[in-house]
């Protein structure tokens, strides 16, 4: 019975680790790339200031990529 508990705990930890790694990779892939001010204006966006994070481009589709 004790072996089952240990194996269950190991399996649960491995599952959570895998899920968090997949989630982090998905977030990295889903983040918007950086663009320039000129590209922002050409795409119909507006340059906005973010507190402690520099500038971003508020695009009409709702994304906010960082300005490089």
N, C-alpha and C. Protein backbone atom coordinates (compact mmCIF):
# COMPACT_ATOMS: atom_id res chain seq x y z
N UNK A 1 0.82 -1.19 0.00
CA UNK A 1 0.00 0.00 0.00
C UNK A 1 0.87 1.26 0.00
N UNK A 2 1.97 1.19 0.74
CA UNK A 2 2.84 2.36 0.83
C UNK A 2 3.50 2.65 -0.52
N UNK A 3 3.83 1.59 -1.26
CA UNK A 3 4.45 1.74 -2.57
C UNK A 3 3.50 2.45 -3.53
N UNK A 4 2.23 2.13 -3.45
CA UNK A 4 1.24 2.80 -4.29
C UNK A 4 1.19 4.29 -4.01
N UNK A 5 1.23 4.67 -2.77
CA UNK A 5 1.20 6.09 -2.41
C UNK A 5 2.41 6.82 -2.95
N UNK A 6 3.57 6.19 -2.79
CA UNK A 6 4.81 6.81 -3.28
C UNK A 6 4.77 6.95 -4.79
N UNK A 7 4.36 5.90 -5.48
CA UNK A 7 4.27 5.96 -6.94
C UNK A 7 3.24 7.00 -7.38
N UNK A 8 2.14 7.08 -6.68
CA UNK A 8 1.12 8.08 -6.99
C UNK A 8 1.65 9.49 -6.82
N UNK A 9 2.41 9.72 -5.77
CA UNK A 9 2.98 11.05 -5.52
C UNK A 9 4.01 11.40 -6.60
N UNK A 10 4.82 10.42 -7.00
CA UNK A 10 5.81 10.65 -8.05
C UNK A 10 5.12 10.95 -9.37
N UNK A 11 4.09 10.21 -9.69
CA UNK A 11 3.34 10.43 -10.93
C UNK A 11 2.67 11.80 -10.92
N UNK A 12 2.10 12.20 -9.81
CA UNK A 12 1.46 13.51 -9.71
C UNK A 12 2.48 14.63 -9.88
N UNK A 13 3.64 14.49 -9.27
CA UNK A 13 4.68 15.52 -9.40
C UNK A 13 5.18 15.61 -10.83
N UNK A 14 5.35 14.47 -11.48
CA UNK A 14 5.82 14.47 -12.87
C UNK A 14 4.78 15.10 -13.79
N UNK A 15 3.53 14.81 -13.54
CA UNK A 15 2.45 15.39 -14.35
C UNK A 15 2.41 16.90 -14.20
N UNK A 16 2.51 17.39 -12.97
CA UNK A 16 2.48 18.83 -12.74
C UNK A 16 3.69 19.52 -13.37
N UNK A 17 4.84 18.89 -13.30
CA UNK A 17 6.04 19.45 -13.91
C UNK A 17 5.89 19.55 -15.41
N UNK A 18 5.36 18.52 -16.02
CA UNK A 18 5.17 18.50 -17.48
C UNK A 18 4.15 19.56 -17.89
N UNK A 19 3.06 19.68 -17.15
CA UNK A 19 2.02 20.66 -17.47
C UNK A 19 2.58 22.07 -17.35
N UNK A 20 3.36 22.35 -16.32
CA UNK A 20 3.90 23.69 -16.16
C UNK A 20 4.93 24.01 -17.24
N UNK A 21 5.70 23.02 -17.67
CA UNK A 21 6.67 23.24 -18.74
C UNK A 21 5.97 23.51 -20.06
N UNK A 22 4.90 22.77 -20.34
CA UNK A 22 4.14 22.99 -21.57
C UNK A 22 3.46 24.34 -21.52
N UNK A 23 2.94 24.72 -20.37
CA UNK A 23 2.30 26.03 -20.23
C UNK A 23 3.28 27.17 -20.45
N UNK A 24 4.48 27.05 -19.92
CA UNK A 24 5.49 28.09 -20.11
C UNK A 24 5.90 28.21 -21.56
N UNK A 25 6.02 27.08 -22.25
CA UNK A 25 6.37 27.11 -23.67
C UNK A 25 5.25 27.74 -24.48
N UNK A 26 4.02 27.46 -24.12
CA UNK A 26 2.88 28.05 -24.83
C UNK A 26 2.81 29.55 -24.64
N UNK A 27 3.09 30.01 -23.44
CA UNK A 27 3.08 31.45 -23.18
C UNK A 27 4.18 32.14 -23.96
N UNK A 28 5.35 31.54 -24.01
CA UNK A 28 6.46 32.13 -24.77
C UNK A 28 6.13 32.19 -26.25
N UNK A 29 5.48 31.16 -26.76
CA UNK A 29 5.14 31.14 -28.18
C UNK A 29 4.01 32.11 -28.50
N UNK A 30 3.14 32.35 -27.54
CA UNK A 30 1.99 33.21 -27.79
C UNK A 30 2.29 34.69 -27.61
N UNK A 31 3.41 35.02 -27.00
CA UNK A 31 3.71 36.43 -26.77
C UNK A 31 4.04 37.12 -28.08
N UNK A 32 3.69 38.38 -28.17
CA UNK A 32 3.89 39.14 -29.40
C UNK A 32 5.36 39.51 -29.57
N UNK A 33 5.84 39.53 -30.80
CA UNK A 33 7.22 39.93 -31.04
C UNK A 33 7.38 41.44 -30.90
N UNK A 34 8.61 41.89 -30.75
CA UNK A 34 8.88 43.32 -30.67
C UNK A 34 8.78 43.95 -32.05
N UNK A 35 8.31 45.20 -32.11
CA UNK A 35 8.24 45.93 -33.37
C UNK A 35 8.80 47.33 -33.17
N UNK A 36 9.03 48.02 -34.25
CA UNK A 36 9.56 49.39 -34.17
C UNK A 36 8.40 50.39 -34.14
N UNK A 37 8.72 51.64 -33.82
CA UNK A 37 7.70 52.69 -33.81
C UNK A 37 7.10 52.88 -35.20
N UNK A 38 7.95 52.82 -36.22
CA UNK A 38 7.46 53.00 -37.59
C UNK A 38 6.52 51.87 -37.99
N UNK A 39 6.86 50.63 -37.62
CA UNK A 39 5.99 49.50 -37.92
C UNK A 39 4.66 49.62 -37.18
N UNK A 40 4.71 50.15 -35.97
CA UNK A 40 3.50 50.34 -35.17
C UNK A 40 2.56 51.33 -35.86
N UNK A 41 3.12 52.45 -36.30
CA UNK A 41 2.31 53.47 -36.97
C UNK A 41 1.76 52.94 -38.30
N UNK A 42 2.57 52.17 -39.03
CA UNK A 42 2.13 51.62 -40.31
C UNK A 42 1.00 50.61 -40.13
N UNK A 43 0.98 49.92 -39.00
CA UNK A 43 -0.06 48.93 -38.73
C UNK A 43 -1.31 49.55 -38.12
N UNK A 44 -1.32 50.86 -37.94
CA UNK A 44 -2.49 51.53 -37.37
C UNK A 44 -2.52 51.51 -35.86
N UNK A 45 -1.38 51.27 -35.25
CA UNK A 45 -1.31 51.22 -33.79
C UNK A 45 -0.93 52.55 -33.18
N UNK A 46 -0.94 52.59 -31.86
CA UNK A 46 -0.59 53.80 -31.12
C UNK A 46 0.46 53.42 -30.07
N UNK A 47 1.53 54.21 -29.99
CA UNK A 47 2.60 53.96 -29.02
C UNK A 47 2.11 54.41 -27.65
N UNK A 48 2.18 53.50 -26.67
CA UNK A 48 1.75 53.81 -25.31
C UNK A 48 2.89 53.51 -24.34
N UNK A 49 2.92 54.23 -23.23
CA UNK A 49 3.93 54.03 -22.20
C UNK A 49 3.39 53.05 -21.16
N UNK A 50 4.24 52.08 -20.77
CA UNK A 50 3.87 51.13 -19.73
C UNK A 50 4.76 51.39 -18.53
N UNK A 51 4.17 51.46 -17.36
CA UNK A 51 4.93 51.73 -16.14
C UNK A 51 5.98 50.65 -15.92
N UNK A 52 7.21 51.05 -15.78
CA UNK A 52 8.36 50.18 -15.50
C UNK A 52 8.64 49.16 -16.61
N UNK A 53 8.03 49.32 -17.78
CA UNK A 53 8.22 48.34 -18.85
C UNK A 53 8.53 48.99 -20.19
N UNK A 54 8.73 50.30 -20.22
CA UNK A 54 9.05 50.97 -21.47
C UNK A 54 7.81 51.27 -22.29
N UNK A 55 7.96 51.19 -23.60
CA UNK A 55 6.87 51.54 -24.51
C UNK A 55 6.35 50.30 -25.22
N UNK A 56 5.06 50.37 -25.57
CA UNK A 56 4.42 49.29 -26.31
C UNK A 56 3.57 49.89 -27.41
N UNK A 57 3.17 49.06 -28.33
CA UNK A 57 2.31 49.48 -29.42
C UNK A 57 0.93 48.86 -29.20
N UNK A 58 -0.09 49.71 -29.04
CA UNK A 58 -1.46 49.22 -28.88
C UNK A 58 -2.06 49.07 -30.28
N UNK A 59 -2.11 47.84 -30.77
CA UNK A 59 -2.62 47.57 -32.11
C UNK A 59 -4.13 47.41 -32.08
N UNK A 60 -4.78 47.67 -33.22
CA UNK A 60 -6.25 47.56 -33.27
C UNK A 60 -6.78 46.16 -32.95
N UNK A 61 -5.97 45.11 -33.14
CA UNK A 61 -6.45 43.75 -32.85
C UNK A 61 -6.35 43.39 -31.37
N UNK A 62 -5.88 44.33 -30.53
CA UNK A 62 -5.82 44.11 -29.09
C UNK A 62 -4.48 43.66 -28.56
N UNK A 63 -3.52 43.38 -29.41
CA UNK A 63 -2.19 42.98 -28.95
C UNK A 63 -1.36 44.20 -28.58
N UNK A 64 -0.37 44.00 -27.72
CA UNK A 64 0.48 45.08 -27.25
C UNK A 64 1.95 44.67 -27.28
N UNK A 65 2.55 44.55 -28.48
CA UNK A 65 3.96 44.17 -28.55
C UNK A 65 4.86 45.30 -28.06
N UNK A 66 6.01 44.94 -27.52
CA UNK A 66 6.97 45.91 -27.02
C UNK A 66 7.61 46.65 -28.18
N UNK A 67 7.95 47.90 -27.96
CA UNK A 67 8.64 48.72 -28.95
C UNK A 67 10.14 48.51 -28.78
N UNK A 68 10.83 48.28 -29.89
CA UNK A 68 12.30 48.14 -29.84
C UNK A 68 12.96 49.37 -30.38
